[in-house]
């Protein structure tokens, strides 16, 4: 069980790190890349969104899908997804609490 919890924690930590990385890019995009004209802004944003969904999906359910479909370890796969989700909620709550305090 500890292995499942650790995998869920590491996946959630990877997601939190990736989300933070993308947030820094979005926060500084105007400074780094300048203003985006016409369709460049929406196309860039939607492309970043699409790539981010793929990366987040890979981080969070890539290994559980392998466990579920290849190794047929259904319980472990579901537990990992549940623990990843729980840790993401914990990270979100900590972030919101940190923002509220400062």
PDB file of N, CA and C in Angstrom:
ATOM      1  N   UNK A   1       0.819  -1.201   0.000  1.00  0.00           N
ATOM      2  CA  UNK A   1       0.000   0.000   0.000  1.00  0.00           C
ATOM      3  C   UNK A   1       0.860   1.262   0.000  1.00  0.00           C
ATOM      4  N   UNK A   2       1.999   1.230   0.694  1.00  0.00           N
ATOM      5  CA  UNK A   2       2.863   2.402   0.764  1.00  0.00           C
ATOM      6  C   UNK A   2       3.395   2.760  -0.621  1.00  0.00           C
ATOM      7  N   UNK A   3       3.666   1.750  -1.438  1.00  0.00           N
ATOM      8  CA  UNK A   3       4.155   1.989  -2.779  1.00  0.00           C
ATOM      9  C   UNK A   3       3.114   2.758  -3.601  1.00  0.00           C
ATOM     10  N   UNK A   4       1.852   2.402  -3.451  1.00  0.00           N
ATOM     11  CA  UNK A   4       0.757   3.065  -4.159  1.00  0.00           C
ATOM     12  C   UNK A   4       0.647   4.516  -3.699  1.00  0.00           C
ATOM     13  N   UNK A   5       0.767   4.743  -2.424  1.00  0.00           N
ATOM     14  CA  UNK A   5       0.695   6.099  -1.873  1.00  0.00           C
ATOM     15  C   UNK A   5       1.869   6.924  -2.383  1.00  0.00           C
ATOM     16  N   UNK A   6       3.051   6.351  -2.380  1.00  0.00           N
ATOM     17  CA  UNK A   6       4.235   7.069  -2.861  1.00  0.00           C
ATOM     18  C   UNK A   6       4.108   7.415  -4.350  1.00  0.00           C
ATOM     19  N   UNK A   7       3.636   6.475  -5.142  1.00  0.00           N
ATOM     20  CA  UNK A   7       3.454   6.746  -6.571  1.00  0.00           C
ATOM     21  C   UNK A   7       2.430   7.856  -6.763  1.00  0.00           C
ATOM     22  N   UNK A   8       1.329   7.812  -6.028  1.00  0.00           N
ATOM     23  CA  UNK A   8       0.322   8.870  -6.109  1.00  0.00           C
ATOM     24  C   UNK A   8       0.885  10.218  -5.706  1.00  0.00           C
ATOM     25  N   UNK A   9       1.685  10.227  -4.652  1.00  0.00           N
ATOM     26  CA  UNK A   9       2.308  11.476  -4.203  1.00  0.00           C
ATOM     27  C   UNK A   9       3.268  12.025  -5.258  1.00  0.00           C
ATOM     28  N   UNK A  10       4.108  11.158  -5.812  1.00  0.00           N
ATOM     29  CA  UNK A  10       5.086  11.608  -6.809  1.00  0.00           C
ATOM     30  C   UNK A  10       4.405  12.093  -8.087  1.00  0.00           C
ATOM     31  N   UNK A  11       3.337  11.418  -8.494  1.00  0.00           N
ATOM     32  CA  UNK A  11       2.601  11.875  -9.669  1.00  0.00           C
ATOM     33  C   UNK A  11       1.971  13.238  -9.409  1.00  0.00           C
ATOM     34  N   UNK A  12       1.367  13.425  -8.238  1.00  0.00           N
ATOM     35  CA  UNK A  12       0.765  14.712  -7.895  1.00  0.00           C
ATOM     36  C   UNK A  12       1.830  15.797  -7.793  1.00  0.00           C
ATOM     37  N   UNK A  13       2.981  15.448  -7.256  1.00  0.00           N
ATOM     38  CA  UNK A  13       4.084  16.406  -7.175  1.00  0.00           C
ATOM     39  C   UNK A  13       4.566  16.794  -8.573  1.00  0.00           C
ATOM     40  N   UNK A  14       4.654  15.828  -9.466  1.00  0.00           N
ATOM     41  CA  UNK A  14       5.014  16.113 -10.846  1.00  0.00           C
ATOM     42  C   UNK A  14       3.998  17.020 -11.527  1.00  0.00           C
ATOM     43  N   UNK A  15       2.721  16.765 -11.278  1.00  0.00           N
ATOM     44  CA  UNK A  15       1.677  17.634 -11.820  1.00  0.00           C
ATOM     45  C   UNK A  15       1.783  19.045 -11.271  1.00  0.00           C
ATOM     46  N   UNK A  16       1.982  19.149  -9.973  1.00  0.00           N
ATOM     47  CA  UNK A  16       2.098  20.477  -9.351  1.00  0.00           C
ATOM     48  C   UNK A  16       3.305  21.229  -9.906  1.00  0.00           C
ATOM     49  N   UNK A  17       4.407  20.534 -10.110  1.00  0.00           N
ATOM     50  CA  UNK A  17       5.600  21.178 -10.675  1.00  0.00           C
ATOM     51  C   UNK A  17       5.338  21.626 -12.113  1.00  0.00           C
ATOM     52  N   UNK A  18       4.702  20.784 -12.900  1.00  0.00           N
ATOM     53  CA  UNK A  18       4.412  21.150 -14.288  1.00  0.00           C
ATOM     54  C   UNK A  18       3.431  22.326 -14.347  1.00  0.00           C
ATOM     55  N   UNK A  19       2.404  22.294 -13.525  1.00  0.00           N
ATOM     56  CA  UNK A  19       1.429  23.392 -13.484  1.00  0.00           C
ATOM     57  C   UNK A  19       2.116  24.690 -13.083  1.00  0.00           C
ATOM     58  N   UNK A  20       3.014  24.635 -12.109  1.00  0.00           N
ATOM     59  CA  UNK A  20       3.755  25.825 -11.694  1.00  0.00           C
ATOM     60  C   UNK A  20       4.628  26.345 -12.827  1.00  0.00           C
ATOM     61  N   UNK A  21       5.263  25.444 -13.558  1.00  0.00           N
ATOM     62  CA  UNK A  21       6.108  25.818 -14.697  1.00  0.00           C
ATOM     63  C   UNK A  21       5.292  26.539 -15.770  1.00  0.00           C
ATOM     64  N   UNK A  22       4.137  25.985 -16.106  1.00  0.00           N
ATOM     65  CA  UNK A  22       3.272  26.608 -17.112  1.00  0.00           C
ATOM     66  C   UNK A  22       2.747  27.949 -16.609  1.00  0.00           C
ATOM     67  N   UNK A  23       2.424  28.037 -15.328  1.00  0.00           N
ATOM     68  CA  UNK A  23       1.950  29.308 -14.765  1.00  0.00           C
ATOM     69  C   UNK A  23       3.009  30.393 -14.876  1.00  0.00           C
ATOM     70  N   UNK A  24       4.273  30.044 -14.658  1.00  0.00           N
ATOM     71  CA  UNK A  24       5.361  31.017 -14.802  1.00  0.00           C
ATOM     72  C   UNK A  24       5.466  31.479 -16.254  1.00  0.00           C
ATOM     73  N   UNK A  25       5.326  30.550 -17.176  1.00  0.00           N
ATOM     74  CA  UNK A  25       5.364  30.920 -18.600  1.00  0.00           C
ATOM     75  C   UNK A  25       4.220  31.875 -18.932  1.00  0.00           C
ATOM     76  N   UNK A  26       3.014  31.547 -18.500  1.00  0.00           N
ATOM     77  CA  UNK A  26       1.864  32.400 -18.781  1.00  0.00           C
ATOM     78  C   UNK A  26       2.029  33.765 -18.127  1.00  0.00           C
ATOM     79  N   UNK A  27       2.504  33.784 -16.899  1.00  0.00           N
ATOM     80  CA  UNK A  27       2.689  35.039 -16.161  1.00  0.00           C
ATOM     81  C   UNK A  27       3.667  35.980 -16.868  1.00  0.00           C
ATOM     82  N   UNK A  28       4.706  35.417 -17.472  1.00  0.00           N
ATOM     83  CA  UNK A  28       5.758  36.221 -18.084  1.00  0.00           C
ATOM     84  C   UNK A  28       5.706  36.249 -19.611  1.00  0.00           C
ATOM     85  N   UNK A  29       4.669  35.717 -20.208  1.00  0.00           N
ATOM     86  CA  UNK A  29       4.602  35.593 -21.662  1.00  0.00           C
ATOM     87  C   UNK A  29       4.711  36.941 -22.368  1.00  0.00           C
ATOM     88  N   UNK A  30       4.008  37.947 -21.910  1.00  0.00           N
ATOM     89  CA  UNK A  30       4.050  39.263 -22.564  1.00  0.00           C
ATOM     90  C   UNK A  30       5.466  39.851 -22.527  1.00  0.00           C
ATOM     91  N   UNK A  31       6.133  39.687 -21.405  1.00  0.00           N
ATOM     92  CA  UNK A  31       7.488  40.227 -21.256  1.00  0.00           C
ATOM     93  C   UNK A  31       8.487  39.476 -22.139  1.00  0.00           C
ATOM     94  N   UNK A  32       8.359  38.156 -22.196  1.00  0.00           N
ATOM     95  CA  UNK A  32       9.306  37.339 -22.933  1.00  0.00           C
ATOM     96  C   UNK A  32       9.069  37.360 -24.444  1.00  0.00           C
ATOM     97  N   UNK A  33       7.796  37.288 -24.839  1.00  0.00           N
ATOM     98  CA  UNK A  33       7.467  37.124 -26.256  1.00  0.00           C
ATOM     99  C   UNK A  33       6.847  38.362 -26.892  1.00  0.00           C
ATOM    100  N   UNK A  34       6.493  39.339 -26.088  1.00  0.00           N
ATOM    101  CA  UNK A  34       5.855  40.534 -26.613  1.00  0.00           C
ATOM    102  C   UNK A  34       4.373  40.307 -26.853  1.00  0.00           C
ATOM    103  N   UNK A  35       3.678  41.358 -27.304  1.00  0.00           N
ATOM    104  CA  UNK A  35       2.244  41.209 -27.554  1.00  0.00           C
ATOM    105  C   UNK A  35       1.973  40.296 -28.757  1.00  0.00           C
ATOM    106  N   UNK A  36       0.909  39.532 -28.660  1.00  0.00           N
ATOM    107  CA  UNK A  36       0.526  38.628 -29.744  1.00  0.00           C
ATOM    108  C   UNK A  36      -0.628  39.256 -30.511  1.00  0.00           C
ATOM    109  N   UNK A  37      -0.502  39.327 -31.814  1.00  0.00           N
ATOM    110  CA  UNK A  37      -1.487  39.985 -32.650  1.00  0.00           C
ATOM    111  C   UNK A  37      -2.427  38.984 -33.318  1.00  0.00           C
ATOM    112  N   UNK A  38      -3.601  39.474 -33.694  1.00  0.00           N
ATOM    113  CA  UNK A  38      -4.593  38.720 -34.451  1.00  0.00           C
ATOM    114  C   UNK A  38      -4.878  37.356 -33.846  1.00  0.00           C
ATOM    115  N   UNK A  39      -4.685  36.312 -34.620  1.00  0.00           N
ATOM    116  CA  UNK A  39      -4.984  34.958 -34.152  1.00  0.00           C
ATOM    117  C   UNK A  39      -3.833  34.304 -33.401  1.00  0.00           C
ATOM    118  N   UNK A  40      -2.696  34.954 -33.345  1.00  0.00           N
ATOM    119  CA  UNK A  40      -1.524  34.350 -32.712  1.00  0.00           C
ATOM    120  C   UNK A  40      -1.776  34.041 -31.242  1.00  0.00           C
ATOM    121  N   UNK A  41      -2.410  34.958 -30.522  1.00  0.00           N
ATOM    122  CA  UNK A  41      -2.676  34.755 -29.098  1.00  0.00           C
ATOM    123  C   UNK A  41      -3.580  33.563 -28.823  1.00  0.00           C
ATOM    124  N   UNK A  42      -4.788  33.534 -29.415  1.00  0.00           N
ATOM    125  CA  UNK A  42      -5.675  32.386 -29.166  1.00  0.00           C
ATOM    126  C   UNK A  42      -5.091  31.054 -29.633  1.00  0.00           C
ATOM    127  N   UNK A  43      -4.410  31.058 -30.779  1.00  0.00           N
ATOM    128  CA  UNK A  43      -3.824  29.803 -31.269  1.00  0.00           C
ATOM    129  C   UNK A  43      -2.727  29.325 -30.321  1.00  0.00           C
ATOM    130  N   UNK A  44      -1.897  30.242 -29.864  1.00  0.00           N
ATOM    131  CA  UNK A  44      -0.838  29.883 -28.926  1.00  0.00           C
ATOM    132  C   UNK A  44      -1.420  29.356 -27.623  1.00  0.00           C
ATOM    133  N   UNK A  45      -2.439  30.059 -27.100  1.00  0.00           N
ATOM    134  CA  UNK A  45      -3.047  29.637 -25.838  1.00  0.00           C
ATOM    135  C   UNK A  45      -3.699  28.261 -25.974  1.00  0.00           C
ATOM    136  N   UNK A  46      -4.464  28.045 -27.034  1.00  0.00           N
ATOM    137  CA  UNK A  46      -5.131  26.748 -27.202  1.00  0.00           C
ATOM    138  C   UNK A  46      -4.130  25.626 -27.465  1.00  0.00           C
ATOM    139  N   UNK A  47      -3.042  25.937 -28.144  1.00  0.00           N
ATOM    140  CA  UNK A  47      -1.998  24.930 -28.351  1.00  0.00           C
ATOM    141  C   UNK A  47      -1.335  24.565 -27.028  1.00  0.00           C
ATOM    142  N   UNK A  48      -1.030  25.584 -26.218  1.00  0.00           N
ATOM    143  CA  UNK A  48      -0.450  25.321 -24.901  1.00  0.00           C
ATOM    144  C   UNK A  48      -1.414  24.513 -24.037  1.00  0.00           C
ATOM    145  N   UNK A  49      -2.697  24.837 -24.107  1.00  0.00           N
ATOM    146  CA  UNK A  49      -3.708  24.093 -23.354  1.00  0.00           C
ATOM    147  C   UNK A  49      -3.743  22.632 -23.800  1.00  0.00           C
ATOM    148  N   UNK A  50      -3.742  22.396 -25.102  1.00  0.00           N
ATOM    149  CA  UNK A  50      -3.793  21.025 -25.622  1.00  0.00           C
ATOM    150  C   UNK A  50      -2.567  20.215 -25.211  1.00  0.00           C
ATOM    151  N   UNK A  51      -1.401  20.817 -25.347  1.00  0.00           N
ATOM    152  CA  UNK A  51      -0.170  20.125 -24.956  1.00  0.00           C
ATOM    153  C   UNK A  51      -0.168  19.864 -23.448  1.00  0.00           C
ATOM    154  N   UNK A  52      -0.640  20.826 -22.670  1.00  0.00           N
ATOM    155  CA  UNK A  52      -0.679  20.661 -21.212  1.00  0.00           C
ATOM    156  C   UNK A  52      -1.623  19.544 -20.800  1.00  0.00           C
ATOM    157  N   UNK A  53      -2.764  19.441 -21.466  1.00  0.00           N
ATOM    158  CA  UNK A  53      -3.696  18.348 -21.158  1.00  0.00           C
ATOM    159  C   UNK A  53      -3.040  17.006 -21.439  1.00  0.00           C
ATOM    160  N   UNK A  54      -2.341  16.906 -22.551  1.00  0.00           N
ATOM    161  CA  UNK A  54      -1.650  15.655 -22.874  1.00  0.00           C
ATOM    162  C   UNK A  54      -0.574  15.324 -21.844  1.00  0.00           C
ATOM    163  N   UNK A  55       0.222  16.312 -21.475  1.00  0.00           N
ATOM    164  CA  UNK A  55       1.301  16.083 -20.503  1.00  0.00           C
ATOM    165  C   UNK A  55       0.725  15.721 -19.137  1.00  0.00           C
ATOM    166  N   UNK A  56      -0.289  16.457 -18.689  1.00  0.00           N
ATOM    167  CA  UNK A  56      -0.907  16.157 -17.389  1.00  0.00           C
ATOM    168  C   UNK A  56      -1.554  14.775 -17.394  1.00  0.00           C
ATOM    169  N   UNK A  57      -2.189  14.418 -18.500  1.00  0.00           N
ATOM    170  CA  UNK A  57      -2.771  13.081 -18.612  1.00  0.00           C
ATOM    171  C   UNK A  57      -1.710  12.001 -18.547  1.00  0.00           C
ATOM    172  N   UNK A  58      -0.609  12.235 -19.236  1.00  0.00           N
ATOM    173  CA  UNK A  58       0.482  11.265 -19.204  1.00  0.00           C
ATOM    174  C   UNK A  58       1.051  11.116 -17.799  1.00  0.00           C
ATOM    175  N   UNK A  59       1.264  12.250 -17.122  1.00  0.00           N
ATOM    176  CA  UNK A  59       1.818  12.203 -15.764  1.00  0.00           C
ATOM    177  C   UNK A  59       0.872  11.490 -14.814  1.00  0.00           C
ATOM    178  N   UNK A  60      -0.418  11.794 -14.900  1.00  0.00           N
ATOM    179  CA  UNK A  60      -1.351  11.301 -13.893  1.00  0.00           C
ATOM    180  C   UNK A  60      -1.921   9.912 -14.183  1.00  0.00           C
ATOM    181  N   UNK A  61      -2.124   9.553 -15.449  1.00  0.00           N
ATOM    182  CA  UNK A  61      -2.745   8.252 -15.705  1.00  0.00           C
ATOM    183  C   UNK A  61      -1.948   7.348 -16.643  1.00  0.00           C
ATOM    184  N   UNK A  62      -0.758   7.768 -17.038  1.00  0.00           N
ATOM    185  CA  UNK A  62       0.051   6.923 -17.915  1.00  0.00           C
ATOM    186  C   UNK A  62       0.390   5.578 -17.283  1.00  0.00           C
ATOM    187  N   UNK A  63       0.949   5.624 -16.093  1.00  0.00           N
ATOM    188  CA  UNK A  63       1.324   4.386 -15.399  1.00  0.00           C
ATOM    189  C   UNK A  63       0.096   3.570 -14.977  1.00  0.00           C
ATOM    190  N   UNK A  64      -0.949   4.197 -14.409  1.00  0.00           N
ATOM    191  CA  UNK A  64      -2.139   3.409 -14.086  1.00  0.00           C
ATOM    192  C   UNK A  64      -2.773   2.731 -15.303  1.00  0.00           C
ATOM    193  N   UNK A  65      -2.731   3.363 -16.472  1.00  0.00           N
ATOM    194  CA  UNK A  65      -3.265   2.719 -17.675  1.00  0.00           C
ATOM    195  C   UNK A  65      -2.449   1.482 -18.019  1.00  0.00           C
ATOM    196  N   UNK A  66      -1.134   1.588 -17.884  1.00  0.00           N
ATOM    197  CA  UNK A  66      -0.280   0.421 -18.132  1.00  0.00           C
ATOM    198  C   UNK A  66      -0.624  -0.702 -17.154  1.00  0.00           C
ATOM    199  N   UNK A  67      -0.785  -0.341 -15.875  1.00  0.00           N
ATOM    200  CA  UNK A  67      -1.151  -1.353 -14.882  1.00  0.00           C
ATOM    201  C   UNK A  67      -2.508  -1.979 -15.200  1.00  0.00           C
ATOM    202  N   UNK A  68      -3.444  -1.158 -15.597  1.00  0.00           N
ATOM    203  CA  UNK A  68      -4.816  -1.620 -15.816  1.00  0.00           C
ATOM    204  C   UNK A  68      -4.914  -2.522 -17.042  1.00  0.00           C
ATOM    205  N   UNK A  69      -4.378  -2.083 -18.171  1.00  0.00           N
ATOM    206  CA  UNK A  69      -4.585  -2.809 -19.415  1.00  0.00           C
ATOM    207  C   UNK A  69      -3.501  -3.837 -19.739  1.00  0.00           C
ATOM    208  N   UNK A  70      -2.254  -3.562 -19.346  1.00  0.00           N
ATOM    209  CA  UNK A  70      -1.176  -4.479 -19.695  1.00  0.00           C
ATOM    210  C   UNK A  70      -0.955  -5.516 -18.592  1.00  0.00           C
ATOM    211  N   UNK A  71      -0.822  -5.040 -17.354  1.00  0.00           N
ATOM    212  CA  UNK A  71      -0.518  -5.955 -16.246  1.00  0.00           C
ATOM    213  C   UNK A  71      -1.760  -6.497 -15.559  1.00  0.00           C
ATOM    214  N   UNK A  72      -2.938  -5.972 -15.926  1.00  0.00           N
ATOM    215  CA  UNK A  72      -4.224  -6.420 -15.364  1.00  0.00           C
ATOM    216  C   UNK A  72      -4.291  -6.283 -13.848  1.00  0.00           C
ATOM    217  N   UNK A  73      -3.582  -5.297 -13.303  1.00  0.00           N
ATOM    218  CA  UNK A  73      -3.599  -5.025 -11.859  1.00  0.00           C
ATOM    219  C   UNK A  73      -4.575  -3.868 -11.616  1.00  0.00           C
ATOM    220  N   UNK A  74      -5.871  -4.207 -11.679  1.00  0.00           N
ATOM    221  CA  UNK A  74      -6.934  -3.210 -11.647  1.00  0.00           C
ATOM    222  C   UNK A  74      -6.972  -2.424 -10.342  1.00  0.00           C
ATOM    223  N   UNK A  75      -6.863  -3.123  -9.233  1.00  0.00           N
ATOM    224  CA  UNK A  75      -6.961  -2.460  -7.923  1.00  0.00           C
ATOM    225  C   UNK A  75      -5.833  -1.449  -7.723  1.00  0.00           C
ATOM    226  N   UNK A  76      -4.615  -1.836  -8.050  1.00  0.00           N
ATOM    227  CA  UNK A  76      -3.478  -0.941  -7.873  1.00  0.00           C
ATOM    228  C   UNK A  76      -3.617   0.283  -8.777  1.00  0.00           C
ATOM    229  N   UNK A  77      -4.062   0.081 -10.006  1.00  0.00           N
ATOM    230  CA  UNK A  77      -4.232   1.197 -10.935  1.00  0.00           C
ATOM    231  C   UNK A  77      -5.253   2.196 -10.404  1.00  0.00           C
ATOM    232  N   UNK A  78      -6.361   1.713  -9.928  1.00  0.00           N
ATOM    233  CA  UNK A  78      -7.410   2.598  -9.406  1.00  0.00           C
ATOM    234  C   UNK A  78      -6.939   3.307  -8.143  1.00  0.00           C
ATOM    235  N   UNK A  79      -6.234   2.590  -7.281  1.00  0.00           N
ATOM    236  CA  UNK A  79      -5.718   3.211  -6.060  1.00  0.00           C
ATOM    237  C   UNK A  79      -4.734   4.327  -6.369  1.00  0.00           C
ATOM    238  N   UNK A  80      -3.888   4.120  -7.358  1.00  0.00           N
ATOM    239  CA  UNK A  80      -2.914   5.165  -7.726  1.00  0.00           C
ATOM    240  C   UNK A  80      -3.635   6.412  -8.214  1.00  0.00           C
ATOM    241  N   UNK A  81      -4.657   6.242  -9.051  1.00  0.00           N
ATOM    242  CA  UNK A  81      -5.422   7.400  -9.530  1.00  0.00           C
ATOM    243  C   UNK A  81      -6.096   8.112  -8.365  1.00  0.00           C
ATOM    244  N   UNK A  82      -6.654   7.357  -7.444  1.00  0.00           N
ATOM    245  CA  UNK A  82      -7.320   7.956  -6.276  1.00  0.00           C
ATOM    246  C   UNK A  82      -6.308   8.721  -5.423  1.00  0.00           C
ATOM    247  N   UNK A  83      -5.154   8.130  -5.143  1.00  0.00           N
ATOM    248  CA  UNK A  83      -4.151   8.822  -4.320  1.00  0.00           C
ATOM    249  C   UNK A  83      -3.568  10.042  -5.025  1.00  0.00           C
ATOM    250  N   UNK A  84      -3.393   9.955  -6.335  1.00  0.00           N
ATOM    251  CA  UNK A  84      -2.917  11.125  -7.087  1.00  0.00           C
ATOM    252  C   UNK A  84      -3.928  12.258  -6.954  1.00  0.00           C
ATOM    253  N   UNK A  85      -5.198  11.936  -7.093  1.00  0.00           N
ATOM    254  CA  UNK A  85      -6.258  12.941  -6.959  1.00  0.00           C
ATOM    255  C   UNK A  85      -6.280  13.523  -5.552  1.00  0.00           C
ATOM    256  N   UNK A  86      -6.179  12.671  -4.549  1.00  0.00           N
ATOM    257  CA  UNK A  86      -6.189  13.154  -3.160  1.00  0.00           C
ATOM    258  C   UNK A  86      -5.007  14.084  -2.888  1.00  0.00           C
ATOM    259  N   UNK A  87      -3.837  13.706  -3.343  1.00  0.00           N
ATOM    260  CA  UNK A  87      -2.670  14.570  -3.128  1.00  0.00           C
ATOM    261  C   UNK A  87      -2.791  15.883  -3.896  1.00  0.00           C
ATOM    262  N   UNK A  88      -3.392  15.853  -5.071  1.00  0.00           N
ATOM    263  CA  UNK A  88      -3.602  17.107  -5.805  1.00  0.00           C
ATOM    264  C   UNK A  88      -4.544  18.028  -5.024  1.00  0.00           C
ATOM    265  N   UNK A  89      -5.581  17.465  -4.419  1.00  0.00           N
ATOM    266  CA  UNK A  89      -6.471  18.265  -3.565  1.00  0.00           C
ATOM    267  C   UNK A  89      -5.713  18.849  -2.377  1.00  0.00           C
ATOM    268  N   UNK A  90      -4.832  18.057  -1.784  1.00  0.00           N
ATOM    269  CA  UNK A  90      -4.026  18.550  -0.661  1.00  0.00           C
ATOM    270  C   UNK A  90      -3.129  19.699  -1.120  1.00  0.00           C
ATOM    271  N   UNK A  91      -2.455  19.517  -2.258  1.00  0.00           N
ATOM    272  CA  UNK A  91      -1.588  20.585  -2.772  1.00  0.00           C
ATOM    273  C   UNK A  91      -2.387  21.837  -3.081  1.00  0.00           C
ATOM    274  N   UNK A  92      -3.575  21.662  -3.654  1.00  0.00           N
ATOM    275  CA  UNK A  92      -4.425  22.815  -3.961  1.00  0.00           C
ATOM    276  C   UNK A  92      -4.856  23.526  -2.686  1.00  0.00           C
ATOM    277  N   UNK A  93      -5.246  22.761  -1.679  1.00  0.00           N
ATOM    278  CA  UNK A  93      -5.654  23.367  -0.399  1.00  0.00           C
ATOM    279  C   UNK A  93      -4.494  24.118   0.243  1.00  0.00           C
ATOM    280  N   UNK A  94      -3.299  23.533   0.203  1.00  0.00           N
ATOM    281  CA  UNK A  94      -2.125  24.212   0.755  1.00  0.00           C
ATOM    282  C   UNK A  94      -1.819  25.493  -0.017  1.00  0.00           C
ATOM    283  N   UNK A  95      -1.965  25.449  -1.340  1.00  0.00           N
ATOM    284  CA  UNK A  95      -1.719  26.635  -2.148  1.00  0.00           C
ATOM    285  C   UNK A  95      -2.730  27.738  -1.810  1.00  0.00           C
ATOM    286  N   UNK A  96      -3.994  27.386  -1.738  1.00  0.00           N
ATOM    287  CA  UNK A  96      -5.038  28.360  -1.418  1.00  0.00           C
ATOM    288  C   UNK A  96      -4.815  28.929  -0.016  1.00  0.00           C
ATOM    289  N   UNK A  97      -4.462  28.075   0.936  1.00  0.00           N
ATOM    290  CA  UNK A  97      -4.197  28.547   2.295  1.00  0.00           C
ATOM    291  C   UNK A  97      -2.986  29.475   2.305  1.00  0.00           C
ATOM    292  N   UNK A  98      -1.959  29.128   1.541  1.00  0.00           N
ATOM    293  CA  UNK A  98      -0.773  29.979   1.468  1.00  0.00           C
ATOM    294  C   UNK A  98      -1.074  31.328   0.860  1.00  0.00           C
ATOM    295  N   UNK A  99      -1.895  31.360  -0.187  1.00  0.00           N
ATOM    296  CA  UNK A  99      -2.280  32.630  -0.809  1.00  0.00           C
ATOM    297  C   UNK A  99      -3.140  33.456   0.149  1.00  0.00           C
ATOM    298  N   UNK A 100      -4.011  32.804   0.879  1.00  0.00           N
ATOM    299  CA  UNK A 100      -4.898  33.511   1.816  1.00  0.00           C
ATOM    300  C   UNK A 100      -4.115  34.128   2.967  1.00  0.00           C
ATOM    301  N   UNK A 101      -3.027  33.494   3.362  1.00  0.00           N
ATOM    302  CA  UNK A 101      -2.234  34.003   4.483  1.00  0.00           C
ATOM    303  C   UNK A 101      -1.350  35.166   4.085  1.00  0.00           C
ATOM    304  N   UNK A 102      -1.009  35.263   2.821  1.00  0.00           N
ATOM    305  CA  UNK A 102      -0.105  36.329   2.383  1.00  0.00           C
ATOM    306  C   UNK A 102      -0.843  37.262   1.541  1.00  0.00           C
TER     307      UNK A 102
END
